[in-house]
Amino acid sequence: MRLNSLILICALFIAWSAALPSAAQDAPISVDGGKITGAPGRDPRITIFRGIPYAAPPVGPLRWRPPQPVIAWNGTKAAREFGPACIGRNFGAFGSMSEDCLYLNVWTPNANPGARLPVLVWIHGGGFQGGSGYHPSYEGEQFARQGVVVVTFNYRVGLFGFLAHPDLTKESAAHASGNYGLLDQVAAIQWVRRNIAQFGGDPEKVTIAGESAGSYSVSALTASPMVRGLFRAAIAESGAYLGPKPDAMRSLAKAETMGLEFGKSLGAGGISDLRAISSDALMQAVEKMPDFFAFQPCVDGFFLKEPVYQTYAKRQQARVPILIGSNTDEGAFLLPPRRASAADLQAQINKAYGAKAGLVRAAYPMTTADEVVRAELDLGADDGFNYPMWKWATMHGRDGFTVYYYLFGRVLPSLPGQTYKGIAREKIGAFHGDEVPYVFGDLKLVTGALDGAPRTGRWETVDFKLSDTMLGYWANFVKTGDPNGGDLPRWPRYGSGSPLMRFFNGVEVRPDDRISRMRMLDAAFTPNPP
């Protein structure tokens, strides 16, 4: 009897094992360039493929050229190590940096071409100056456990990703230069279209997503005709080219002028001379530049025919569902070490808004010392993050396109007396990037914030509960274009002035208490708001 019971248990175990997704297998997968194998994740039912080339190395004569097709390899490549990050500013990058950096990573729960699972393509942040497709805050295993195939990738940043130059424009068949990092993103999304079925993904169910520069990228991708039809939904966290300011994105001419000046500073006679200079020497020159964001996307006439805002104003953006939002005190990491006075802040407003300065000043009270600190935090967050996201939600939703809008404000407990740039920590809300590990369910892997702010407190039960909720919403959205499902609290679609979803110590649908500031900025930026 005992032997029969043992046999029955073994048979049931074998049947149960066979019913599990078949991701963790050693069978090679064919992709552009050749065959690859992956490795089991922490959960052995998840397979991770790391460091898959999606374009040729952009080195030598391919420096500052659009991404070229993958170079084929012989045999089977073991995709077990993350590729090096693209050379740029070192924001605590994990691993090495190299010009040979166009690699992507895939997490899958079922590498069966017939699985046809939804796909999340994540675009990393870093101000277009650094970052990489790997960071503990956005490991894709928890999404994969939700039945989503996750893709992250590197793209060229800074000087190597966004140098525009008249010589480059002249040698381009499209008569454009400067947006090589964005063209890398296009190449990665096209790679997903061609190859993701081999990992169990459905090329018709792709959602693009990103945070910070990745979020700005998503806004640009929704406006660019180059990727129209290659994704069915978009997620953007904290950043967009949706401000109507004239200088929101440089023109090609201005970007070319900056490229010429950079070349002259190194004694380069033309682009061939710049290509001959080592990457180390080029980065040493970049580090000496006074403008940290000297090299960034521009309106090149190829990837973008016009500023993103204009495309939205004409209602010609991709008509896909979007899930977007920002954090309460996004701009804290941009503040200088020394606190500004009320007079300093008013002078900044006068310079930035000119004739509309009085209108803006009224939205930021500065009578008391606490009000001055709060005004400095709000001004830093609103101009670069909160207002563009609100404008995006408003412009996309005005014609009935689907928008889910959120505000993240969970703050980890701090030690008594802890300060950040001279401000008591308890007076500062959620920092830039704080929401990312919650979204990916990666709190246990993260010991610090993306912006480098100290985290002396420990994750609490409320953090893990909030993370489970946010991961559930985001996974549902990737699956269906709607975050709602299961036993999650109802998240309503956003319309002009309607409530948004707040992720603080819990989840709550509430009116946006920043709305008066957003409307004030809109009146200051836009002569006739659409």
Protein backbone atom coordinates (compact mmCIF):
# COMPACT_ATOMS: atom_id res chain seq x y z
CA MET A 1 0.00 0.00 0.00
CA ARG A 2 2.80 2.39 0.90
CA LEU A 3 4.56 1.57 -2.38
CA ASN A 4 1.39 2.24 -4.37
CA SER A 5 0.92 5.56 -2.54
CA LEU A 6 4.51 6.53 -3.32
CA ILE A 7 4.04 5.66 -6.99
CA LEU A 8 0.83 7.72 -7.09
CA ILE A 9 2.54 10.72 -5.49
CA CYS A 10 5.42 10.51 -7.98
CA ALA A 11 2.99 10.27 -10.89
CA LEU A 12 1.08 13.32 -9.68
CA PHE A 13 4.33 15.25 -9.24
CA ILE A 14 5.46 14.39 -12.77
CA ALA A 15 2.06 15.43 -14.18
CA TRP A 16 2.16 18.70 -12.19
CA SER A 17 5.70 19.44 -13.39
CA ALA A 18 4.72 18.80 -16.99
CA ALA A 19 1.84 21.25 -16.64
CA LEU A 20 4.17 24.09 -15.59
CA PRO A 21 5.17 26.67 -18.25
CA SER A 22 8.06 25.37 -20.29
CA ALA A 23 10.22 28.50 -20.05
CA ALA A 24 13.10 27.00 -18.09
CA GLN A 25 14.35 24.79 -20.87
CA ASP A 26 17.75 24.35 -22.45
CA ALA A 27 16.48 24.14 -26.03
CA PRO A 28 18.04 26.93 -28.16
CA ILE A 29 15.86 29.76 -29.46
CA SER A 30 16.45 31.28 -32.89
CA VAL A 31 16.62 35.08 -33.10
CA ASP A 32 18.16 37.62 -35.45
CA GLY A 33 21.79 36.57 -35.82
CA GLY A 34 21.66 33.00 -34.53
CA LYS A 35 20.62 30.73 -31.68
CA ILE A 36 20.65 31.49 -27.96
CA THR A 37 19.94 29.79 -24.67
CA GLY A 38 18.88 31.41 -21.42
CA ALA A 39 19.12 30.60 -17.72
CA PRO A 40 16.57 29.98 -14.95
CA GLY A 41 15.56 32.93 -12.81
CA ARG A 42 15.20 32.93 -9.04
CA ASP A 43 11.90 31.23 -9.77
CA PRO A 44 13.01 28.29 -11.95
CA ARG A 45 9.79 28.56 -13.95
CA ILE A 46 11.06 31.88 -15.35
CA THR A 47 13.82 31.96 -17.96
CA ILE A 48 16.05 34.99 -18.42
CA PHE A 49 17.92 35.70 -21.64
CA ARG A 50 20.56 38.34 -20.98
CA GLY A 51 22.76 40.31 -23.36
CA ILE A 52 21.06 39.50 -26.68
CA PRO A 53 22.44 41.72 -29.48
CA TYR A 54 19.67 43.58 -31.29
CA ALA A 55 21.93 45.64 -33.60
CA ALA A 56 25.55 45.70 -34.74
CA PRO A 57 28.09 47.26 -32.34
CA PRO A 58 28.01 51.04 -33.08
CA VAL A 59 31.79 51.38 -33.08
CA GLY A 60 34.44 52.67 -35.49
CA PRO A 61 32.75 53.87 -38.69
CA LEU A 62 29.32 53.04 -37.15
CA ARG A 63 29.79 55.58 -34.35
CA TRP A 64 27.05 58.22 -34.79
CA ARG A 65 25.17 56.26 -37.42
CA PRO A 66 21.70 54.70 -37.22
CA PRO A 67 21.71 51.17 -35.76
CA GLN A 68 22.66 48.49 -38.28
CA PRO A 69 21.53 44.82 -38.49
CA VAL A 70 22.88 42.29 -36.03
CA ILE A 71 26.11 40.52 -37.00
CA ALA A 72 25.42 36.79 -37.15
CA TRP A 73 27.32 34.38 -34.90
CA ASN A 74 28.18 30.71 -35.20
CA GLY A 75 26.91 28.03 -32.87
CA THR A 76 24.67 28.78 -29.90
CA LYS A 77 25.22 31.87 -27.75
CA ALA A 78 24.70 31.41 -24.00
CA ALA A 79 22.69 34.55 -23.12
CA ARG A 80 23.59 34.49 -19.43
CA GLU A 81 25.34 37.83 -18.79
CA PHE A 82 23.95 41.35 -19.10
CA GLY A 83 25.69 43.33 -21.81
CA PRO A 84 27.75 46.41 -20.91
CA ALA A 85 25.92 49.70 -20.48
CA CYS A 86 26.32 52.33 -23.19
CA ILE A 87 29.06 54.84 -22.43
CA GLY A 88 27.75 57.91 -20.66
CA ARG A 89 27.54 59.44 -17.21
CA ASN A 90 28.05 56.83 -14.52
CA PHE A 91 24.86 56.81 -12.47
CA GLY A 92 25.91 53.84 -10.38
CA ALA A 93 25.76 51.58 -13.42
CA PHE A 94 25.90 47.86 -12.73
CA GLY A 95 28.79 46.32 -14.63
CA SER A 96 31.00 47.84 -17.31
CA MET A 97 30.35 50.48 -19.98
CA SER A 98 31.26 50.25 -23.64
CA GLU A 99 30.44 51.65 -27.07
CA ASP A 100 29.58 48.06 -27.96
CA CYS A 101 26.36 48.14 -25.96
CA LEU A 102 23.26 47.47 -28.07
CA TYR A 103 21.98 44.48 -26.14
CA LEU A 104 18.61 43.55 -24.68
CA ASN A 105 17.26 41.16 -22.04
CA VAL A 106 14.12 39.02 -21.92
CA TRP A 107 12.26 37.48 -18.99
CA THR A 108 9.65 34.90 -19.98
CA PRO A 109 7.37 32.49 -18.12
CA ASN A 110 6.78 30.35 -21.20
CA ALA A 111 9.15 30.24 -24.17
CA ASN A 112 6.60 28.54 -26.37
CA PRO A 113 5.83 30.32 -29.66
CA GLY A 114 2.19 29.39 -29.23
CA ALA A 115 1.83 31.05 -25.81
CA ARG A 116 1.17 34.52 -27.31
CA LEU A 117 1.68 36.35 -24.01
CA PRO A 118 1.49 40.15 -23.63
CA VAL A 119 4.84 41.96 -23.81
CA LEU A 120 6.26 44.85 -21.77
CA VAL A 121 9.16 46.73 -23.40
CA TRP A 122 10.87 48.88 -20.74
CA ILE A 123 12.98 51.96 -21.61
CA HIS A 124 15.41 52.97 -18.87
CA GLY A 125 15.89 56.46 -17.46
CA GLY A 126 19.04 58.48 -16.83
CA GLY A 127 18.32 61.88 -18.35
CA PHE A 128 19.54 60.57 -21.74
CA GLN A 129 23.01 60.85 -20.19
CA GLY A 130 23.45 57.42 -18.57
CA GLY A 131 21.68 54.32 -17.31
CA SER A 132 21.25 50.85 -18.78
CA GLY A 133 18.74 48.10 -19.46
CA TYR A 134 19.68 46.40 -16.21
CA HIS A 135 19.02 47.74 -12.71
CA PRO A 136 17.72 45.87 -9.63
CA SER A 137 14.70 48.21 -9.64
CA TYR A 138 13.46 46.78 -12.92
CA GLU A 139 14.27 43.13 -13.01
CA GLY A 140 11.37 41.55 -14.90
CA GLU A 141 10.82 38.33 -12.97
CA GLN A 142 7.78 39.47 -10.98
CA PHE A 143 6.05 40.69 -14.15
CA ALA A 144 6.88 37.35 -15.78
CA ARG A 145 5.19 35.55 -12.88
CA GLN A 146 2.09 37.58 -13.79
CA GLY A 147 2.14 36.10 -17.30
CA VAL A 148 3.99 38.96 -19.04
CA VAL A 149 7.10 38.72 -21.22
CA VAL A 150 9.47 41.57 -20.24
CA VAL A 151 12.12 43.16 -22.46
CA THR A 152 14.68 45.73 -21.28
CA PHE A 153 17.49 47.13 -23.41
CA ASN A 154 20.38 49.58 -23.66
CA TYR A 155 20.37 52.54 -26.04
CA ARG A 156 23.10 55.05 -26.77
CA VAL A 157 23.13 58.03 -24.42
CA GLY A 158 24.79 61.43 -24.10
CA LEU A 159 27.42 62.31 -26.67
CA PHE A 160 27.30 58.90 -28.37
CA GLY A 161 23.53 58.85 -28.58
CA PHE A 162 22.64 62.45 -29.38
CA LEU A 163 25.48 64.30 -31.12
CA ALA A 164 24.16 66.27 -34.07
CA HIS A 165 26.64 67.71 -36.57
CA PRO A 166 26.40 69.17 -40.11
CA ASP A 167 28.73 66.44 -41.41
CA LEU A 168 26.48 63.76 -39.92
CA THR A 169 23.42 65.38 -41.44
CA LYS A 170 25.14 65.55 -44.82
CA GLU A 171 26.13 61.86 -44.83
CA SER A 172 22.63 60.76 -43.75
CA ALA A 173 20.22 59.52 -46.41
CA ALA A 174 17.44 61.08 -44.33
CA HIS A 175 19.39 64.35 -44.02
CA ALA A 176 19.14 64.11 -40.23
CA SER A 177 21.41 63.60 -37.24
CA GLY A 178 21.40 63.61 -33.49
CA ASN A 179 18.77 61.07 -32.41
CA TYR A 180 20.79 57.85 -32.53
CA GLY A 181 19.64 56.81 -29.05
CA LEU A 182 16.00 57.13 -30.10
CA LEU A 183 16.72 55.21 -33.31
CA ASP A 184 18.21 52.49 -31.10
CA GLN A 185 14.88 52.36 -29.28
CA VAL A 186 13.08 51.97 -32.59
CA ALA A 187 15.47 49.15 -33.56
CA ALA A 188 14.80 47.38 -30.24
CA ILE A 189 11.02 47.63 -30.70
CA GLN A 190 11.34 46.35 -34.26
CA TRP A 191 13.48 43.46 -32.96
CA VAL A 192 10.68 42.64 -30.53
CA ARG A 193 8.20 42.63 -33.40
CA ARG A 194 10.30 40.11 -35.34
CA ASN A 195 11.52 37.87 -32.52
CA ILE A 196 9.34 38.00 -29.43
CA ALA A 197 7.11 35.07 -30.48
CA GLN A 198 10.14 32.82 -29.96
CA PHE A 199 9.99 33.75 -26.26
CA GLY A 200 6.24 33.14 -25.97
CA GLY A 201 5.32 36.77 -26.58
CA ASP A 202 2.68 38.15 -28.93
CA PRO A 203 4.01 40.87 -31.28
CA GLU A 204 0.47 42.25 -31.48
CA LYS A 205 0.31 42.77 -27.69
CA VAL A 206 3.29 45.05 -27.05
CA THR A 207 3.21 47.84 -24.47
CA ILE A 208 6.10 50.31 -24.40
CA ALA A 209 6.97 51.80 -21.01
CA GLY A 210 9.61 53.90 -19.31
CA GLU A 211 10.56 56.19 -16.45
CA SER A 212 12.32 59.59 -16.52
CA ALA A 213 14.21 59.73 -19.84
CA GLY A 214 12.39 56.49 -20.65
CA SER A 215 9.11 58.31 -20.08
CA TYR A 216 10.22 61.23 -22.26
CA SER A 217 11.13 58.59 -24.86
CA VAL A 218 7.66 57.06 -24.69
CA SER A 219 6.08 60.46 -25.35
CA ALA A 220 8.36 60.89 -28.37
CA LEU A 221 7.64 57.37 -29.63
CA THR A 222 3.89 58.01 -29.48
CA ALA A 223 4.46 61.04 -31.72
CA SER A 224 6.95 59.50 -34.17
CA PRO A 225 5.61 57.89 -37.36
CA MET A 226 8.52 55.40 -37.31
CA VAL A 227 6.95 53.03 -34.78
CA ARG A 228 3.27 53.56 -35.48
CA GLY A 229 1.50 50.23 -35.19
CA LEU A 230 4.34 48.46 -33.36
CA PHE A 231 2.77 48.85 -29.89
CA ARG A 232 -0.81 48.85 -28.67
CA ALA A 233 -0.43 50.71 -25.35
CA ALA A 234 2.03 52.93 -23.50
CA ILE A 235 3.10 53.50 -19.89
CA ALA A 236 5.05 56.61 -18.89
CA GLU A 237 6.34 57.51 -15.44
CA SER A 238 7.63 61.02 -14.77
CA GLY A 239 8.58 62.87 -17.92
CA ALA A 240 7.18 64.00 -21.27
CA TYR A 241 7.77 66.37 -24.17
CA LEU A 242 4.23 67.68 -23.71
CA GLY A 243 5.06 71.16 -22.46
CA PRO A 244 4.24 73.85 -25.04
CA LYS A 245 7.43 75.80 -24.27
CA PRO A 246 9.34 76.72 -27.45
CA ASP A 247 12.58 75.23 -26.10
CA ALA A 248 11.05 71.94 -24.93
CA MET A 249 13.10 70.16 -27.62
CA ARG A 250 15.96 71.58 -29.66
CA SER A 251 15.81 72.11 -33.38
CA LEU A 252 18.26 70.23 -35.60
CA ALA A 253 20.04 73.52 -36.39
CA LYS A 254 20.66 74.29 -32.70
CA ALA A 255 21.81 70.74 -32.04
CA GLU A 256 24.20 70.90 -35.01
CA THR A 257 25.66 74.16 -33.70
CA MET A 258 26.33 72.54 -30.33
CA GLY A 259 27.98 69.60 -32.09
CA LEU A 260 30.22 71.94 -34.11
CA GLU A 261 31.26 73.81 -30.99
CA PHE A 262 32.07 70.57 -29.21
CA GLY A 263 34.22 69.40 -32.13
CA LYS A 264 36.10 72.70 -32.26
CA SER A 265 36.83 72.47 -28.53
CA LEU A 266 38.75 69.28 -29.30
CA GLY A 267 40.44 70.65 -32.40
CA ALA A 268 38.42 68.34 -34.66
CA GLY A 269 38.09 69.51 -38.24
CA GLY A 270 35.06 67.35 -38.96
CA ILE A 271 33.18 64.22 -38.00
CA SER A 272 35.97 61.92 -39.23
CA ASP A 273 38.31 63.53 -36.69
CA LEU A 274 35.74 63.03 -33.91
CA ARG A 275 35.33 59.38 -34.87
CA ALA A 276 39.10 58.94 -34.53
CA ILE A 277 39.15 60.19 -30.92
CA SER A 278 38.93 57.54 -28.22
CA SER A 279 35.73 57.23 -26.20
CA ASP A 280 37.65 57.96 -22.99
CA ALA A 281 39.02 61.23 -24.38
CA LEU A 282 35.57 62.23 -25.62
CA MET A 283 33.99 61.55 -22.24
CA GLN A 284 36.69 63.57 -20.48
CA ALA A 285 35.71 66.51 -22.68
CA VAL A 286 32.02 65.93 -21.95
CA GLU A 287 32.66 65.96 -18.20
CA LYS A 288 34.11 69.48 -18.53
CA MET A 289 31.06 70.91 -20.30
CA PRO A 290 28.99 73.32 -18.20
CA ASP A 291 25.69 72.02 -19.61
CA PHE A 292 25.04 68.59 -18.10
CA PHE A 293 22.30 67.94 -20.68
CA ALA A 294 24.24 69.24 -23.69
CA PHE A 295 23.47 66.14 -25.77
CA GLN A 296 19.83 65.18 -25.87
CA PRO A 297 17.04 64.49 -28.42
CA CYS A 298 16.18 67.08 -31.06
CA VAL A 299 13.58 67.61 -33.78
CA ASP A 300 15.67 66.00 -36.50
CA GLY A 301 13.10 65.85 -39.33
CA PHE A 302 13.39 62.06 -39.46
CA PHE A 303 12.45 60.44 -36.15
CA LEU A 304 10.43 63.55 -35.33
CA LYS A 305 9.04 65.87 -37.99
CA GLU A 306 7.98 68.44 -35.38
CA PRO A 307 7.97 68.90 -31.59
CA VAL A 308 5.94 66.27 -29.76
CA TYR A 309 3.55 68.88 -28.39
CA GLN A 310 2.63 70.01 -31.89
CA THR A 311 1.83 66.45 -32.96
CA TYR A 312 -0.53 66.14 -30.00
CA ALA A 313 -2.02 69.58 -30.66
CA LYS A 314 -2.88 68.35 -34.17
CA ARG A 315 -4.33 65.13 -32.68
CA GLN A 316 -1.91 63.04 -34.75
CA GLN A 317 -0.33 61.00 -31.94
CA ALA A 318 -0.66 57.22 -31.63
CA ARG A 319 -4.22 56.57 -30.49
CA VAL A 320 -3.39 53.97 -27.86
CA PRO A 321 -4.36 53.61 -24.20
CA ILE A 322 -1.87 55.27 -21.85
CA LEU A 323 -1.13 54.84 -18.15
CA ILE A 324 0.89 57.80 -16.90
CA GLY A 325 1.75 59.80 -13.80
CA SER A 326 4.40 61.34 -11.57
CA ASN A 327 5.61 61.52 -7.97
CA THR A 328 4.89 64.16 -5.37
CA ASP A 329 8.37 65.71 -5.05
CA GLU A 330 10.07 64.69 -8.30
CA GLY A 331 12.35 67.70 -8.43
CA ALA A 332 14.06 67.25 -5.07
CA PHE A 333 17.10 65.60 -6.64
CA LEU A 334 17.58 68.62 -8.94
CA LEU A 335 17.72 71.15 -6.12
CA PRO A 336 21.06 72.83 -5.42
CA PRO A 337 22.70 72.07 -2.06
CA ARG A 338 21.91 75.55 -0.79
CA ARG A 339 18.28 76.51 -0.14
CA ALA A 340 16.75 79.34 -2.10
CA SER A 341 15.08 82.37 -0.51
CA ALA A 342 11.68 83.73 -1.53
CA ALA A 343 13.47 86.45 -3.50
CA ASP A 344 15.58 83.83 -5.30
CA LEU A 345 12.51 81.82 -6.30
CA GLN A 346 10.62 84.89 -7.46
CA ALA A 347 13.61 85.92 -9.58
CA GLN A 348 13.67 82.43 -11.14
CA ILE A 349 9.97 82.70 -11.95
CA ASN A 350 10.45 86.16 -13.46
CA LYS A 351 13.22 84.87 -15.72
CA ALA A 352 11.34 81.73 -16.79
CA TYR A 353 7.87 83.19 -17.35
CA GLY A 354 8.40 86.82 -18.30
CA ALA A 355 5.11 88.66 -18.64
CA LYS A 356 3.24 85.72 -17.07
CA ALA A 357 5.46 85.64 -13.97
CA GLY A 358 2.87 87.28 -11.73
CA LEU A 359 0.35 84.62 -12.67
CA VAL A 360 2.78 81.86 -11.72
CA ARG A 361 3.97 83.46 -8.48
CA ALA A 362 0.38 83.47 -7.24
CA ALA A 363 0.31 79.66 -7.43
CA TYR A 364 3.27 79.25 -5.08
CA PRO A 365 2.83 81.07 -1.73
CA MET A 366 6.13 82.15 -0.15
CA THR A 367 5.17 84.07 2.98
CA THR A 368 6.55 81.72 5.64
CA ALA A 369 9.80 79.72 5.75
CA ASP A 370 7.87 76.47 5.34
CA GLU A 371 6.04 77.89 2.34
CA VAL A 372 9.35 78.84 0.70
CA VAL A 373 10.64 75.27 1.08
CA ARG A 374 7.37 73.88 -0.28
CA ALA A 375 7.40 76.36 -3.20
CA GLU A 376 10.96 75.35 -4.12
CA LEU A 377 10.00 71.68 -4.11
CA ASP A 378 6.79 72.26 -6.07
CA LEU A 379 8.46 74.47 -8.68
CA GLY A 380 11.14 71.84 -9.29
CA ALA A 381 8.57 69.06 -9.59
CA ASP A 382 5.92 70.88 -11.61
CA ASP A 383 7.98 72.35 -14.43
CA GLY A 384 9.88 69.19 -15.35
CA PHE A 385 7.48 66.41 -14.36
CA ASN A 386 4.01 67.14 -12.96
CA TYR A 387 2.86 69.69 -15.53
CA PRO A 388 4.01 67.77 -18.65
CA MET A 389 2.31 64.59 -17.37
CA TRP A 390 -0.91 66.46 -16.58
CA LYS A 391 -0.81 68.12 -20.00
CA TRP A 392 -0.27 64.73 -21.64
CA ALA A 393 -3.22 63.20 -19.76
CA THR A 394 -5.42 66.16 -20.65
CA MET A 395 -4.48 66.35 -24.34
CA HIS A 396 -4.71 62.62 -24.96
CA GLY A 397 -7.97 62.23 -23.09
CA ARG A 398 -9.84 65.20 -24.58
CA ASP A 399 -11.00 63.22 -27.63
CA GLY A 400 -11.96 60.13 -25.68
CA PHE A 401 -8.65 58.26 -25.93
CA THR A 402 -8.05 56.04 -22.89
CA VAL A 403 -5.99 57.59 -20.07
CA TYR A 404 -5.25 56.22 -16.61
CA TYR A 405 -3.56 58.89 -14.51
CA TYR A 406 -1.82 58.50 -11.13
CA LEU A 407 0.16 60.32 -8.45
CA PHE A 408 2.71 58.39 -6.36
CA GLY A 409 3.47 59.71 -2.88
CA ARG A 410 4.60 56.88 -0.62
CA VAL A 411 7.51 58.00 1.57
CA LEU A 412 9.70 55.51 3.40
CA PRO A 413 10.08 56.34 7.12
CA SER A 414 13.21 58.30 7.96
CA LEU A 415 15.39 58.53 11.04
CA PRO A 416 14.80 61.39 13.49
CA GLY A 417 16.57 64.52 12.30
CA GLN A 418 17.36 63.16 8.83
CA THR A 419 17.68 65.86 6.17
CA TYR A 420 18.13 65.99 2.41
CA LYS A 421 19.92 69.03 0.94
CA GLY A 422 19.15 70.94 4.10
CA ILE A 423 15.43 70.07 4.14
CA ALA A 424 13.89 67.95 6.90
CA ARG A 425 13.17 64.59 5.31
CA GLU A 426 9.59 64.46 6.62
CA LYS A 427 8.80 67.60 4.59
CA ILE A 428 9.68 65.91 1.29
CA GLY A 429 7.35 63.54 -0.53
CA ALA A 430 8.24 60.79 -3.00
CA PHE A 431 11.46 61.28 -4.96
CA HIS A 432 12.06 60.87 -8.67
CA GLY A 433 12.16 57.15 -9.49
CA ASP A 434 10.80 55.97 -6.13
CA GLU A 435 7.82 54.23 -7.75
CA VAL A 436 9.84 51.98 -10.06
CA PRO A 437 10.70 49.10 -7.65
CA TYR A 438 7.07 49.12 -6.47
CA VAL A 439 5.85 48.72 -10.05
CA PHE A 440 8.28 45.88 -10.77
CA GLY A 441 7.76 44.18 -7.40
CA ASP A 442 11.50 44.42 -6.75
CA LEU A 443 11.57 46.00 -3.27
CA LYS A 444 13.61 43.12 -1.84
CA LEU A 445 16.32 43.73 -4.45
CA VAL A 446 16.59 47.49 -3.87
CA THR A 447 18.59 49.09 -1.07
CA GLY A 448 18.59 52.68 -2.34
CA ALA A 449 16.64 55.01 -4.61
CA LEU A 450 17.31 55.62 -8.29
CA ASP A 451 18.17 59.25 -7.55
CA GLY A 452 20.70 58.32 -4.85
CA ALA A 453 18.72 59.79 -1.96
CA PRO A 454 19.49 57.99 1.30
CA ARG A 455 17.07 55.33 2.44
CA THR A 456 17.64 54.82 6.15
CA GLY A 457 14.22 53.34 6.84
CA ARG A 458 13.27 49.77 6.05
CA TRP A 459 10.53 48.46 3.82
CA GLU A 460 7.34 47.94 5.80
CA THR A 461 4.26 45.78 5.32
CA VAL A 462 2.49 48.72 3.68
CA ASP A 463 5.28 48.95 1.07
CA PHE A 464 4.96 45.32 0.01
CA LYS A 465 1.17 45.59 -0.10
CA LEU A 466 1.39 48.76 -2.20
CA SER A 467 3.90 47.10 -4.52
CA ASP A 468 1.63 44.09 -5.02
CA THR A 469 -1.22 46.42 -5.93
CA MET A 470 0.80 48.53 -8.37
CA LEU A 471 2.35 45.46 -10.02
CA GLY A 472 -1.18 44.07 -10.43
CA TYR A 473 -2.46 47.26 -12.06
CA TRP A 474 0.52 47.57 -14.41
CA ALA A 475 0.39 43.88 -15.39
CA ASN A 476 -3.35 44.12 -16.11
CA PHE A 477 -2.75 47.16 -18.28
CA VAL A 478 -0.08 45.34 -20.29
CA LYS A 479 -2.48 42.43 -20.76
CA THR A 480 -5.61 44.37 -21.72
CA GLY A 481 -5.00 48.12 -21.94
CA ASP A 482 -7.00 48.47 -18.70
CA PRO A 483 -5.41 48.26 -15.21
CA ASN A 484 -8.58 46.99 -13.61
CA GLY A 485 -9.18 43.35 -12.82
CA GLY A 486 -9.38 40.81 -10.04
CA ASP A 487 -9.98 42.27 -6.59
CA LEU A 488 -8.06 45.52 -7.20
CA PRO A 489 -9.85 48.76 -6.27
CA ARG A 490 -11.50 50.35 -9.31
CA TRP A 491 -9.22 52.79 -11.19
CA PRO A 492 -11.40 55.14 -13.28
CA ARG A 493 -10.37 56.55 -16.65
CA TYR A 494 -9.15 60.13 -16.51
CA GLY A 495 -10.91 63.09 -18.06
CA SER A 496 -10.12 66.79 -17.81
CA GLY A 497 -10.26 67.70 -14.13
CA SER A 498 -11.51 64.28 -13.02
CA PRO A 499 -10.04 62.36 -10.04
CA LEU A 500 -6.83 60.40 -10.37
CA MET A 501 -5.42 57.34 -8.62
CA ARG A 502 -3.21 58.10 -5.63
CA PHE A 503 -0.57 55.61 -4.45
CA PHE A 504 0.45 56.82 -1.01
CA ASN A 505 0.23 54.67 2.13
CA GLY A 506 -2.64 52.98 0.37
CA VAL A 507 -4.64 53.29 -2.83
CA GLU A 508 -7.25 56.01 -3.20
CA VAL A 509 -9.17 57.72 -6.02
CA ARG A 510 -9.22 61.43 -5.25
CA PRO A 511 -9.28 64.83 -6.96
CA ASP A 512 -5.86 66.15 -7.93
CA ASP A 513 -4.87 68.76 -5.33
CA ARG A 514 -2.28 70.17 -7.79
CA ILE A 515 -4.89 71.08 -10.39
CA SER A 516 -4.88 74.82 -9.68
CA ARG A 517 -1.10 74.93 -10.16
CA MET A 518 -1.35 72.90 -13.35
CA ARG A 519 -3.96 75.24 -14.82
CA MET A 520 -1.95 78.28 -13.78
CA LEU A 521 1.14 76.92 -15.53
CA ASP A 522 -0.95 76.04 -18.56
CA ALA A 523 -2.17 79.61 -18.80
CA ALA A 524 1.42 80.84 -18.46
CA PHE A 525 2.82 78.46 -21.08
CA THR A 526 0.00 78.42 -23.62
CA PRO A 527 -1.55 81.59 -25.12
CA ASN A 528 -4.63 79.60 -26.19
CA PRO A 529 -4.63 76.22 -24.41
CA PRO A 530 -6.16 73.58 -26.76
